[in-house]
N, C-alpha and C. Protein backbone atom coordinates (compact mmCIF):
# COMPACT_ATOMS: atom_id res chain seq x y z
N MET A 1 12.48 9.10 11.74
CA MET A 1 13.33 7.38 11.48
C MET A 1 13.94 7.35 12.72
N THR A 2 14.67 6.59 13.66
CA THR A 2 15.16 6.03 14.44
C THR A 2 15.98 5.48 13.10
N PRO A 3 18.02 5.13 13.20
CA PRO A 3 18.05 3.76 13.01
C PRO A 3 17.13 3.11 12.71
N LYS A 4 17.45 2.40 14.13
CA LYS A 4 16.32 1.23 14.70
C LYS A 4 14.97 0.91 14.38
N GLU A 5 14.44 1.48 13.64
CA GLU A 5 12.87 1.30 13.33
C GLU A 5 13.13 1.54 11.48
N LYS A 6 14.50 2.02 11.09
CA LYS A 6 14.40 1.95 9.41
C LYS A 6 14.81 0.03 9.08
N PRO A 7 13.44 0.64 7.52
CA PRO A 7 12.87 -0.70 6.94
C PRO A 7 14.85 -1.37 6.09
N SER A 8 14.56 -2.83 6.22
CA SER A 8 16.33 -2.79 5.48
C SER A 8 15.46 -3.85 4.49
N ALA A 9 15.67 -4.08 2.73
CA ALA A 9 16.11 -5.19 3.18
C ALA A 9 16.92 -5.52 2.00
N SER A 10 18.01 -6.35 3.52
CA SER A 10 18.56 -7.24 3.93
C SER A 10 17.49 -7.87 5.12
N ASP A 11 16.73 -8.02 5.94
CA ASP A 11 16.28 -7.45 7.42
C ASP A 11 15.63 -8.72 7.14
N GLY A 12 15.03 -8.96 5.42
CA GLY A 12 14.43 -10.59 5.56
C GLY A 12 12.20 -9.79 6.08
N THR A 13 12.46 -8.78 5.55
CA THR A 13 10.90 -7.41 6.12
C THR A 13 11.06 -7.19 4.63
N GLY A 14 11.96 -6.81 3.45
CA GLY A 14 11.82 -6.48 2.67
C GLY A 14 11.84 -6.54 1.45
N LEU A 15 11.55 -5.54 0.29
CA LEU A 15 10.64 -5.64 -0.56
C LEU A 15 11.66 -5.15 -2.15
N ALA A 16 12.44 -6.42 -1.70
CA ALA A 16 13.57 -6.44 -2.91
C ALA A 16 13.01 -6.21 -3.81
N GLY A 17 13.14 -5.77 -4.80
CA GLY A 17 12.01 -5.81 -6.22
C GLY A 17 10.93 -5.16 -6.76
N ALA A 18 10.55 -5.98 -6.00
CA ALA A 18 8.95 -5.01 -6.07
C ALA A 18 8.54 -3.57 -6.73
N ARG A 19 7.39 -3.59 -7.13
CA ARG A 19 6.69 -2.16 -7.49
C ARG A 19 5.91 -2.06 -7.37
N VAL A 20 5.38 -0.88 -6.98
CA VAL A 20 4.99 -0.98 -5.83
C VAL A 20 3.51 0.71 -5.93
N LEU A 21 2.38 0.23 -5.81
CA LEU A 21 1.40 1.35 -6.07
C LEU A 21 0.97 2.02 -5.42
N VAL A 22 0.68 3.52 -4.31
CA VAL A 22 0.39 3.95 -3.99
C VAL A 22 -0.36 4.47 -3.44
N VAL A 23 -1.49 4.83 -3.16
CA VAL A 23 -2.48 5.00 -3.63
C VAL A 23 -3.70 6.12 -2.39
N GLU A 24 -2.97 7.36 -1.97
CA GLU A 24 -3.15 7.85 -0.68
C GLU A 24 -3.51 9.85 -1.61
N ASP A 25 -4.66 10.54 -1.05
CA ASP A 25 -4.25 11.36 -1.19
C ASP A 25 -3.64 12.88 -0.17
N ASP A 26 -2.92 12.50 0.76
CA ASP A 26 -2.12 13.53 1.70
C ASP A 26 -1.05 13.11 0.89
N PHE A 27 -0.42 14.74 0.52
CA PHE A 27 1.05 14.41 0.11
C PHE A 27 1.89 13.67 0.72
N ILE A 28 1.85 14.50 2.01
CA ILE A 28 2.82 14.07 3.38
C ILE A 28 2.74 12.87 3.97
N ILE A 29 1.68 12.11 3.47
CA ILE A 29 1.68 10.89 3.61
C ILE A 29 2.18 10.49 2.52
N SER A 30 2.19 10.18 1.32
CA SER A 30 2.36 9.90 -0.15
C SER A 30 3.99 9.70 -0.29
N MET A 31 3.98 10.76 0.84
CA MET A 31 5.80 10.83 0.29
C MET A 31 6.64 10.13 1.60
N GLU A 32 6.02 10.70 2.72
CA GLU A 32 6.59 9.11 3.91
C GLU A 32 6.36 7.99 3.36
N LEU A 33 5.43 7.64 2.51
CA LEU A 33 5.09 5.95 2.28
C LEU A 33 6.34 5.71 1.10
N GLU A 34 6.52 6.32 -0.21
CA GLU A 34 7.61 6.49 -0.99
C GLU A 34 8.77 6.27 -0.32
N SER A 35 8.85 6.92 0.95
CA SER A 35 10.46 7.23 1.57
C SER A 35 10.55 5.72 1.27
N THR A 36 9.20 5.44 3.05
CA THR A 36 9.51 4.07 3.84
C THR A 36 9.70 2.78 2.24
N LEU A 37 8.89 2.69 1.21
CA LEU A 37 9.18 1.51 0.57
C LEU A 37 9.88 1.63 -0.59
N PHE A 38 11.05 3.12 -0.68
CA PHE A 38 12.02 3.18 -1.06
C PHE A 38 13.26 2.04 -0.29
N ASP A 39 13.18 2.38 1.64
CA ASP A 39 13.38 2.28 2.04
C ASP A 39 13.54 0.39 2.60
N GLY A 40 12.87 0.44 2.27
CA GLY A 40 12.50 -0.89 2.35
C GLY A 40 13.01 -2.23 1.10
N GLY A 41 13.53 -1.25 -0.16
CA GLY A 41 14.41 -2.48 -0.98
C GLY A 41 13.49 -2.32 -1.89
N ALA A 42 11.74 -1.49 -2.40
CA ALA A 42 11.48 -2.24 -3.07
C ALA A 42 11.66 -0.83 -4.64
N GLU A 43 11.50 -1.45 -6.04
CA GLU A 43 12.30 -1.16 -7.23
C GLU A 43 11.54 0.55 -7.30
N SER A 44 10.53 0.57 -7.59
CA SER A 44 9.71 1.96 -7.76
C SER A 44 8.70 1.99 -6.93
N VAL A 45 7.87 2.61 -7.25
CA VAL A 45 7.20 3.36 -5.95
C VAL A 45 6.11 4.44 -7.62
N SER A 46 5.06 3.96 -7.65
CA SER A 46 3.72 5.13 -8.57
C SER A 46 2.87 5.47 -7.31
N VAL A 47 3.72 6.77 -7.02
CA VAL A 47 2.48 7.13 -6.26
C VAL A 47 0.89 7.59 -7.97
N CYS A 48 -0.83 7.96 -6.28
CA CYS A 48 -2.02 8.69 -6.62
C CYS A 48 -2.50 9.07 -5.98
N ARG A 49 -3.00 9.43 -6.17
CA ARG A 49 -3.79 10.93 -5.69
C ARG A 49 -5.07 10.55 -6.01
N THR A 50 -6.25 9.54 -6.74
CA THR A 50 -7.14 10.08 -7.17
C THR A 50 -7.44 8.47 -7.57
N VAL A 51 -8.59 8.49 -7.04
CA VAL A 51 -9.21 6.07 -7.69
C VAL A 51 -9.17 6.01 -9.44
N LYS A 52 -9.46 7.89 -9.79
CA LYS A 52 -9.34 8.17 -11.34
C LYS A 52 -8.52 7.26 -11.96
N ASP A 53 -6.69 7.93 -11.16
CA ASP A 53 -5.67 8.19 -11.78
C ASP A 53 -5.32 6.93 -11.28
N ALA A 54 -5.69 5.85 -10.68
CA ALA A 54 -4.69 5.00 -9.58
C ALA A 54 -5.62 3.48 -10.84
N LEU A 55 -6.66 4.16 -10.84
CA LEU A 55 -7.80 3.12 -12.13
C LEU A 55 -6.48 2.38 -13.60
N LEU A 56 -6.36 4.20 -14.16
CA LEU A 56 -5.17 3.61 -14.82
C LEU A 56 -3.98 2.82 -15.01
N SER A 57 -3.82 4.00 -13.78
CA SER A 57 -2.28 3.06 -13.97
C SER A 57 -2.64 2.16 -13.12
N ALA A 58 -3.05 1.00 -12.48
CA ALA A 58 -3.29 -0.15 -12.55
C ALA A 58 -3.39 0.10 -13.80
N ASP A 59 -4.21 -0.44 -14.44
CA ASP A 59 -5.17 -0.77 -15.85
C ASP A 59 -2.79 -0.91 -16.36
N GLY A 60 -2.68 -0.11 -16.53
CA GLY A 60 -1.46 0.21 -17.52
C GLY A 60 -0.09 -0.48 -16.50
N GLY A 61 0.06 0.42 -15.69
CA GLY A 61 1.88 -0.84 -14.99
C GLY A 61 1.51 -2.08 -14.69
N ARG A 62 2.55 -2.72 -13.91
CA ARG A 62 2.53 -3.37 -13.66
C ARG A 62 3.97 -3.64 -12.36
N PHE A 63 2.47 -3.64 -11.78
CA PHE A 63 2.20 -3.19 -9.99
C PHE A 63 2.50 -4.85 -9.20
N SER A 64 3.89 -5.03 -7.68
CA SER A 64 4.02 -5.62 -7.62
C SER A 64 3.01 -6.09 -5.91
N ALA A 65 2.65 -4.48 -6.25
CA ALA A 65 1.63 -4.85 -4.49
C ALA A 65 1.17 -3.32 -4.78
N ALA A 66 0.42 -2.81 -4.16
CA ALA A 66 -0.46 -1.95 -4.20
C ALA A 66 -0.70 -1.37 -2.35
N VAL A 67 0.16 0.31 -1.69
CA VAL A 67 -1.03 0.20 -0.89
C VAL A 67 -1.86 1.21 -0.97
N LEU A 68 -3.13 0.95 0.12
CA LEU A 68 -4.41 1.55 -0.36
C LEU A 68 -5.23 2.62 0.76
N ASP A 69 -4.57 3.20 0.09
CA ASP A 69 -6.43 4.12 1.79
C ASP A 69 -7.58 3.77 1.07
N VAL A 70 -8.20 3.72 1.73
CA VAL A 70 -9.27 3.56 1.69
C VAL A 70 -10.42 4.60 1.32
N ARG A 71 -10.26 5.47 1.86
CA ARG A 71 -10.79 6.65 1.13
C ARG A 71 -10.36 7.41 0.69
N LEU A 72 -10.38 8.14 -0.08
CA LEU A 72 -9.34 9.39 -1.24
C LEU A 72 -10.21 10.94 -1.50
N GLY A 73 -10.64 11.81 -0.22
CA GLY A 73 -11.73 12.88 -0.15
C GLY A 73 -13.07 12.02 -0.06
N ARG A 74 -13.95 12.06 -1.61
CA ARG A 74 -15.56 11.67 -0.69
C ARG A 74 -15.18 9.61 -1.74
N GLU A 75 -14.11 9.70 -2.39
CA GLU A 75 -14.32 8.29 -3.01
C GLU A 75 -13.62 7.15 -1.94
N THR A 76 -14.32 6.36 -2.45
CA THR A 76 -12.46 4.60 -2.10
C THR A 76 -12.51 3.82 -3.18
N VAL A 77 -11.40 3.44 -2.09
CA VAL A 77 -10.77 2.97 -3.66
C VAL A 77 -11.21 1.06 -3.49
N VAL A 78 -12.49 0.75 -3.27
CA VAL A 78 -12.82 -0.39 -3.48
C VAL A 78 -13.41 -0.02 -4.68
N PRO A 79 -13.18 0.47 -6.46
CA PRO A 79 -13.26 -0.31 -7.91
C PRO A 79 -12.26 -0.80 -7.38
N LEU A 80 -10.46 0.53 -7.78
CA LEU A 80 -9.19 -0.58 -7.57
C LEU A 80 -8.91 -1.71 -6.75
N ALA A 81 -9.54 -1.83 -5.81
CA ALA A 81 -9.07 -2.97 -4.92
C ALA A 81 -9.60 -4.14 -5.43
N ARG A 82 -10.99 -3.51 -6.20
CA ARG A 82 -11.80 -4.90 -6.72
C ARG A 82 -10.81 -5.13 -8.01
N LEU A 83 -10.94 -3.99 -8.53
CA LEU A 83 -9.13 -5.03 -9.65
C LEU A 83 -8.54 -5.39 -9.21
N LEU A 84 -7.62 -4.92 -8.57
CA LEU A 84 -6.60 -5.43 -7.53
C LEU A 84 -6.11 -6.89 -7.46
N THR A 85 -8.00 -7.22 -7.60
CA THR A 85 -8.26 -7.90 -6.77
C THR A 85 -8.42 -9.11 -8.60
N LEU A 86 -8.68 -8.94 -8.81
CA LEU A 86 -8.88 -9.32 -9.83
C LEU A 86 -7.80 -10.02 -11.25
N ARG A 87 -6.76 -9.13 -11.11
CA ARG A 87 -5.50 -9.35 -11.76
C ARG A 87 -4.88 -10.37 -11.05
N GLY A 88 -4.78 -10.54 -8.89
CA GLY A 88 -3.79 -10.52 -8.26
C GLY A 88 -3.02 -10.78 -7.76
N ILE A 89 -2.70 -8.80 -7.74
CA ILE A 89 -2.16 -8.17 -7.24
C ILE A 89 -2.40 -7.72 -5.31
N PRO A 90 -1.69 -7.54 -4.77
CA PRO A 90 -1.74 -8.08 -3.79
C PRO A 90 -1.80 -6.51 -3.23
N PHE A 91 -2.49 -6.67 -2.47
CA PHE A 91 -2.34 -4.77 -1.43
C PHE A 91 -2.51 -4.81 0.11
N VAL A 92 -1.73 -4.13 1.03
CA VAL A 92 -2.79 -3.99 2.38
C VAL A 92 -3.40 -2.02 2.42
N PHE A 93 -4.17 -1.95 3.05
CA PHE A 93 -4.82 -0.67 3.43
C PHE A 93 -4.40 0.01 4.31
N TYR A 94 -4.21 1.44 4.22
CA TYR A 94 -3.35 1.85 5.04
C TYR A 94 -4.02 2.96 5.57
N THR A 95 -5.66 2.81 6.54
CA THR A 95 -5.98 4.25 6.80
C THR A 95 -5.82 4.59 7.82
N GLY A 96 -6.46 5.86 8.11
CA GLY A 96 -7.39 6.31 9.22
C GLY A 96 -9.27 6.37 9.78
N GLN A 97 -9.20 5.10 8.27
CA GLN A 97 -10.40 5.60 8.83
C GLN A 97 -11.42 4.12 9.81
N VAL A 98 -12.45 4.25 10.93
CA VAL A 98 -12.69 3.68 11.51
C VAL A 98 -13.99 2.34 11.07
N ASP A 99 -15.62 2.48 10.85
CA ASP A 99 -15.90 2.14 10.27
C ASP A 99 -15.27 0.91 8.52
N LEU A 100 -14.80 -0.12 8.95
CA LEU A 100 -14.11 -0.63 8.06
C LEU A 100 -14.81 -2.14 7.61
N ASP A 101 -16.12 -1.76 8.40
CA ASP A 101 -17.21 -3.30 8.43
C ASP A 101 -16.68 -3.62 6.49
N SER A 102 -17.60 -2.83 5.71
CA SER A 102 -17.57 -3.82 4.34
C SER A 102 -15.97 -4.15 3.32
N VAL A 103 -14.92 -3.11 4.02
CA VAL A 103 -13.23 -3.70 3.63
C VAL A 103 -13.15 -5.24 4.29
N ARG A 104 -13.43 -5.26 5.04
CA ARG A 104 -13.25 -7.00 6.44
C ARG A 104 -13.89 -8.05 5.92
N VAL A 105 -15.13 -7.03 5.23
CA VAL A 105 -16.13 -8.77 4.58
C VAL A 105 -15.40 -8.66 3.24
N GLU A 106 -14.92 -7.67 2.40
CA GLU A 106 -15.51 -8.26 1.15
C GLU A 106 -13.46 -8.73 1.08
N TRP A 107 -12.65 -8.29 1.57
CA TRP A 107 -11.62 -8.60 1.90
C TRP A 107 -10.93 -9.49 3.43
N PRO A 108 -10.89 -10.43 3.32
CA PRO A 108 -10.37 -10.63 4.97
C PRO A 108 -9.92 -11.50 5.15
N GLN A 109 -8.70 -11.61 4.48
CA GLN A 109 -6.96 -11.22 4.39
C GLN A 109 -6.59 -10.86 4.25
N CYS A 110 -7.40 -9.50 3.28
CA CYS A 110 -6.43 -8.71 3.54
C CYS A 110 -5.32 -6.97 5.12
N ARG A 111 -4.89 -7.71 4.63
CA ARG A 111 -3.92 -6.85 6.38
C ARG A 111 -4.64 -5.25 5.85
N ILE A 112 -4.95 -4.58 6.81
CA ILE A 112 -5.55 -3.30 7.89
C ILE A 112 -4.14 -2.63 8.06
N ILE A 113 -3.91 -1.31 8.03
CA ILE A 113 -3.08 -0.79 9.41
C ILE A 113 -3.61 0.71 9.05
N SER A 114 -3.85 0.30 10.61
CA SER A 114 -3.99 2.24 11.02
C SER A 114 -3.62 3.27 11.21
N LYS A 115 -3.32 4.82 10.34
CA LYS A 115 -2.63 5.76 10.30
C LYS A 115 -1.82 6.07 11.61
N PRO A 116 -1.44 6.58 12.19
CA PRO A 116 0.13 6.30 11.46
C PRO A 116 0.95 5.14 12.63
N ALA A 117 1.16 4.54 11.44
CA ALA A 117 2.31 2.79 11.86
C ALA A 117 3.76 3.25 11.29
N PRO A 118 4.14 2.47 11.95
CA PRO A 118 6.24 2.93 12.17
C PRO A 118 6.31 2.14 10.41
N SER A 119 7.29 2.46 10.30
CA SER A 119 7.83 2.04 8.98
C SER A 119 7.63 0.62 8.45
N ARG A 120 8.57 0.36 9.59
CA ARG A 120 8.80 -1.51 9.76
C ARG A 120 7.35 -2.21 9.56
N THR A 121 6.51 -1.53 10.20
CA THR A 121 5.27 -2.38 10.05
C THR A 121 4.20 -2.24 8.83
N ILE A 122 4.93 -1.23 8.19
CA ILE A 122 4.65 -0.84 6.38
C ILE A 122 5.19 -1.98 6.09
N VAL A 123 6.85 -1.91 5.56
CA VAL A 123 7.60 -2.71 5.16
C VAL A 123 7.40 -4.70 5.05
N ARG A 124 7.12 -4.84 6.50
CA ARG A 124 7.15 -6.13 6.38
C ARG A 124 5.24 -6.59 6.36
N ALA A 125 4.17 -5.42 6.35
CA ALA A 125 2.89 -5.79 5.88
C ALA A 125 2.68 -5.75 3.73
N VAL A 126 3.50 -5.20 3.18
CA VAL A 126 3.29 -4.95 2.13
C VAL A 126 4.68 -6.81 1.72
N ALA A 127 5.50 -6.79 2.97
CA ALA A 127 6.36 -7.85 1.75
C ALA A 127 5.39 -9.34 2.62
N GLU A 128 5.08 -8.95 3.35
CA GLU A 128 3.65 -10.50 4.11
C GLU A 128 2.76 -10.30 2.74
N ALA A 129 2.36 -9.65 2.10
CA ALA A 129 1.08 -9.38 1.39
C ALA A 129 1.48 -10.25 -0.13
N LEU A 130 2.91 -10.08 -0.08
CA LEU A 130 3.48 -10.68 -1.29
C LEU A 130 4.21 -11.68 -1.77
N LYS A 131 3.80 -12.42 -0.94
CA LYS A 131 3.98 -14.00 -0.35
C LYS A 131 3.13 -15.20 -0.30
N ARG A 132 1.72 -14.47 -0.64
CA ARG A 132 0.63 -15.02 -0.42
C ARG A 132 0.61 -15.86 -1.57
């Protein structure tokens, strides 16, 4: 990531003080997301690699927002997205999936970011979700 691409907590798109849950089963992508969110000003980033772990974290954790991969292996994050919706916790989808019609129907207001995406795009999307 070049300095020009690096998100900043002071550039109006930052995540100052945010506590973000990342649900991603790919180790490298989850590490990149964690770094991106911290660079964007997040106070904390918790990474879960399974839907079960994410549901437990969401049930016990106090998150400001979440970044969700749509599919983790054979599982989908739909149960988690529903729980977050009930709790009023905003989220964005960050996915390589192509068929997202059911996601768009259930969460029409939710931002869907296609993998890969620039760090600035991810930070801006999470910041915008926090403002809703």
